[in-house]
Amino acid sequence: GHPPVRSLHSLKDLDGVWNSDCGPMAISAGQVRDCHGEFAPLSLSTDGQLELQFAGTLWRSHFVDPDHIHWEGDGGMWLRAGLPTSAFETEKAGRPAEEHPREP
């Protein structure tokens, strides 16, 4: 099956600093602020989809947990700042095979 996705209960769960392809993004009180100081509104739709209206474009994400936001299309992945990147790399590559299988 699929790995369990930790669900998001409110936008408050996303407050903090995130690393994106476009540099650090700060999320606070339902607003995203980029490194240029531009603000954009963030909203959570009734079906749990995250929506970000930025520079005339609507970005959507169905895959959100408290540490990752995976935007559809060219939006890329946002990763909560301060997470060990090795964990993220491991997750991206899928579950690693055990290097040393345990002897029975």
C-alpha atoms as a PDB file:
ATOM      1  CA  GLY A   1       0.000   0.000   0.000  1.00  0.00           C
ATOM      2  CA  HIS A   2       0.895   3.660   0.180  1.00  0.00           C
ATOM      3  CA  PRO A   3       2.905   5.139   3.027  1.00  0.00           C
ATOM      4  CA  PRO A   4       0.568   6.880   5.466  1.00  0.00           C
ATOM      5  CA  VAL A   5       0.305  10.604   4.854  1.00  0.00           C
ATOM      6  CA  ARG A   6       0.041  12.636   8.016  1.00  0.00           C
ATOM      7  CA  SER A   7      -2.960  14.776   7.394  1.00  0.00           C
ATOM      8  CA  LEU A   8      -3.143  18.469   7.868  1.00  0.00           C
ATOM      9  CA  HIS A   9      -5.683  19.767  10.337  1.00  0.00           C
ATOM     10  CA  SER A  10      -5.313  23.478   9.701  1.00  0.00           C
ATOM     11  CA  LEU A  11      -3.088  26.004   7.997  1.00  0.00           C
ATOM     12  CA  LYS A  12      -1.550  26.613  11.417  1.00  0.00           C
ATOM     13  CA  ASP A  13       0.256  23.252  11.037  1.00  0.00           C
ATOM     14  CA  LEU A  14       2.270  24.827   8.202  1.00  0.00           C
ATOM     15  CA  ASP A  15       3.522  27.894  10.081  1.00  0.00           C
ATOM     16  CA  GLY A  16       7.282  28.245   9.836  1.00  0.00           C
ATOM     17  CA  VAL A  17      10.054  28.510   7.285  1.00  0.00           C
ATOM     18  CA  TRP A  18      10.169  26.275   4.217  1.00  0.00           C
ATOM     19  CA  ASN A  19      12.874  25.607   1.647  1.00  0.00           C
ATOM     20  CA  SER A  20      11.638  25.795  -1.945  1.00  0.00           C
ATOM     21  CA  ASP A  21      13.184  25.849  -5.417  1.00  0.00           C
ATOM     22  CA  CYS A  22      12.837  29.640  -5.229  1.00  0.00           C
ATOM     23  CA  GLY A  23      14.545  30.058  -1.871  1.00  0.00           C
ATOM     24  CA  PRO A  24      13.122  30.239   1.644  1.00  0.00           C
ATOM     25  CA  MET A  25       9.397  30.802   2.111  1.00  0.00           C
ATOM     26  CA  ALA A  26       7.839  31.851   5.406  1.00  0.00           C
ATOM     27  CA  ILE A  27       4.306  30.712   6.203  1.00  0.00           C
ATOM     28  CA  SER A  28       2.382  32.484   8.919  1.00  0.00           C
ATOM     29  CA  ALA A  29      -1.322  32.992   9.588  1.00  0.00           C
ATOM     30  CA  GLY A  30      -2.386  31.692   6.186  1.00  0.00           C
ATOM     31  CA  GLN A  31       0.084  33.858   4.259  1.00  0.00           C
ATOM     32  CA  VAL A  32       3.228  32.911   2.376  1.00  0.00           C
ATOM     33  CA  ARG A  33       6.051  35.440   2.250  1.00  0.00           C
ATOM     34  CA  ASP A  34       8.899  34.853  -0.198  1.00  0.00           C
ATOM     35  CA  CYS A  35      12.489  36.075   0.125  1.00  0.00           C
ATOM     36  CA  HIS A  36      11.559  39.296  -1.746  1.00  0.00           C
ATOM     37  CA  GLY A  37       8.938  40.162   0.844  1.00  0.00           C
ATOM     38  CA  GLU A  38       6.003  39.385  -1.464  1.00  0.00           C
ATOM     39  CA  PHE A  39       2.898  38.040   0.265  1.00  0.00           C
ATOM     40  CA  ALA A  40       0.470  35.482  -1.122  1.00  0.00           C
ATOM     41  CA  PRO A  41      -2.668  33.986   0.441  1.00  0.00           C
ATOM     42  CA  LEU A  42      -2.704  30.284   1.264  1.00  0.00           C
ATOM     43  CA  SER A  43      -5.972  28.414   1.725  1.00  0.00           C
ATOM     44  CA  LEU A  44      -7.174  24.947   2.546  1.00  0.00           C
ATOM     45  CA  SER A  45     -10.138  23.787   0.461  1.00  0.00           C
ATOM     46  CA  THR A  46     -12.942  21.669   1.870  1.00  0.00           C
ATOM     47  CA  ASP A  47     -11.469  18.489   0.368  1.00  0.00           C
ATOM     48  CA  GLY A  48      -8.145  19.115   2.091  1.00  0.00           C
ATOM     49  CA  GLN A  49      -6.348  20.518  -0.908  1.00  0.00           C
ATOM     50  CA  LEU A  50      -3.855  23.298  -0.311  1.00  0.00           C
ATOM     51  CA  GLU A  51      -4.131  26.289  -2.642  1.00  0.00           C
ATOM     52  CA  LEU A  52      -1.697  29.157  -3.113  1.00  0.00           C
ATOM     53  CA  GLN A  53      -2.544  32.159  -5.245  1.00  0.00           C
ATOM     54  CA  PHE A  54       0.785  33.626  -6.328  1.00  0.00           C
ATOM     55  CA  ALA A  55       1.511  36.150  -9.089  1.00  0.00           C
ATOM     56  CA  GLY A  56      -1.751  35.353 -10.873  1.00  0.00           C
ATOM     57  CA  THR A  57      -1.191  31.604 -10.762  1.00  0.00           C
ATOM     58  CA  LEU A  58      -3.095  29.131  -8.613  1.00  0.00           C
ATOM     59  CA  TRP A  59      -0.878  26.363  -7.236  1.00  0.00           C
ATOM     60  CA  ARG A  60      -2.493  23.292  -5.764  1.00  0.00           C
ATOM     61  CA  SER A  61      -1.245  20.466  -3.627  1.00  0.00           C
ATOM     62  CA  HIS A  62      -2.999  17.251  -2.651  1.00  0.00           C
ATOM     63  CA  PHE A  63       0.093  15.867  -0.963  1.00  0.00           C
ATOM     64  CA  VAL A  64       0.726  17.865   2.179  1.00  0.00           C
ATOM     65  CA  ASP A  65       1.956  16.839   5.575  1.00  0.00           C
ATOM     66  CA  PRO A  66       3.437  18.988   8.339  1.00  0.00           C
ATOM     67  CA  ASP A  67       6.932  18.759   6.790  1.00  0.00           C
ATOM     68  CA  HIS A  68       6.372  18.527   3.014  1.00  0.00           C
ATOM     69  CA  ILE A  69       4.267  20.330   0.428  1.00  0.00           C
ATOM     70  CA  HIS A  70       4.352  18.754  -3.015  1.00  0.00           C
ATOM     71  CA  TRP A  71       2.872  21.216  -5.517  1.00  0.00           C
ATOM     72  CA  GLU A  72       1.272  19.992  -8.731  1.00  0.00           C
ATOM     73  CA  GLY A  73       2.758  20.929 -12.089  1.00  0.00           C
ATOM     74  CA  ASP A  74       6.009  22.886 -11.918  1.00  0.00           C
ATOM     75  CA  GLY A  75       5.539  23.909  -8.302  1.00  0.00           C
ATOM     76  CA  GLY A  76       8.112  21.459  -6.997  1.00  0.00           C
ATOM     77  CA  MET A  77       8.486  20.314  -3.417  1.00  0.00           C
ATOM     78  CA  TRP A  78       8.691  22.519  -0.343  1.00  0.00           C
ATOM     79  CA  LEU A  79      10.488  21.040   2.615  1.00  0.00           C
ATOM     80  CA  ARG A  80      10.293  22.362   6.155  1.00  0.00           C
ATOM     81  CA  ALA A  81      13.563  24.100   7.013  1.00  0.00           C
ATOM     82  CA  GLY A  82      15.671  22.280   9.571  1.00  0.00           C
ATOM     83  CA  LEU A  83      14.746  18.772   8.445  1.00  0.00           C
ATOM     84  CA  PRO A  84      17.705  16.484   7.795  1.00  0.00           C
ATOM     85  CA  THR A  85      18.053  16.327   4.015  1.00  0.00           C
ATOM     86  CA  SER A  86      19.168  12.711   4.165  1.00  0.00           C
ATOM     87  CA  ALA A  87      15.703  11.703   5.354  1.00  0.00           C
ATOM     88  CA  PHE A  88      14.198  13.568   2.420  1.00  0.00           C
ATOM     89  CA  GLU A  89      16.573  11.930  -0.086  1.00  0.00           C
ATOM     90  CA  THR A  90      15.743   8.517   1.358  1.00  0.00           C
ATOM     91  CA  GLU A  91      12.051   9.186   1.053  1.00  0.00           C
ATOM     92  CA  LYS A  92      12.406  10.381  -2.536  1.00  0.00           C
ATOM     93  CA  ALA A  93      14.317   7.260  -3.531  1.00  0.00           C
ATOM     94  CA  GLY A  94      11.667   5.048  -1.989  1.00  0.00           C
ATOM     95  CA  ARG A  95      12.184   2.693   0.893  1.00  0.00           C
ATOM     96  CA  PRO A  96      15.845   1.689   1.074  1.00  0.00           C
ATOM     97  CA  ALA A  97      16.583  -2.003   0.965  1.00  0.00           C
ATOM     98  CA  GLU A  98      18.227  -3.229   4.136  1.00  0.00           C
ATOM     99  CA  GLU A  99      21.934  -3.367   3.534  1.00  0.00           C
ATOM    100  CA  HIS A 100      22.487  -6.258   5.899  1.00  0.00           C
ATOM    101  CA  PRO A 101      19.530  -8.623   6.004  1.00  0.00           C
ATOM    102  CA  ARG A 102      19.181  -9.995   9.497  1.00  0.00           C
ATOM    103  CA  GLU A 103      20.217 -13.596   9.921  1.00  0.00           C
ATOM    104  CA  PRO A 104      17.296 -15.790  11.005  1.00  0.00           C
END
